[in-house]
Amino acid sequence: MTSWPSIPIEVAPIAYRSVIQQLKEMGSKEPKLRIEEDEKNKSQPARTDQGFYIIDAPFEQTLNEEDVKSGKKSGKVNGVYDVASLAIKIKAITGVLEVGLFFTESAGQTSAQNTLGGQRPVAAYFGTEDGNVSVRKIKGTS
């Protein structure tokens, strides 16, 4: 299972309200627009290098194929979900540009073929204001 606090999602500014609503309908508990302070200490939406907004969407723990086979249950997003299926569902929302879920793929399958189970997120990448990238990895991965 995975237990990231939230999934970062890059969205078009014009669509962020409808994306938040659809994430709630999918089972995200309180998806929020990421807010930061500018140099004048004014709060504003955080923007990517391309000028898009970021939504942080917390979901209950995701399962991989082994978890499902062993009978473990997670939060419901139209039933039990795994990392790849959740990423595909989120990315299908109009206005979503990218989903911050990174996972390994099952041997011999392409991303398009690999839509069910067997993946675990391995890292999340966060850009900082100074242009550097901070990496958070799951415990036990190198």
Foldseek 3Di string as FASTA:
>chain_A
DDFDQWKKWWFAPVCPVVLQVVLVLQAFDDKAWDWDADPVRDIDGDADPVGTTIITTGHWDADFPVCVVVPHAIDGRVGHHHQLQVQVVSCPDPGTDHIQFAWDADPPDDSVRGRHGDIDGAWGWDADPVGDIDIDGDPPHD
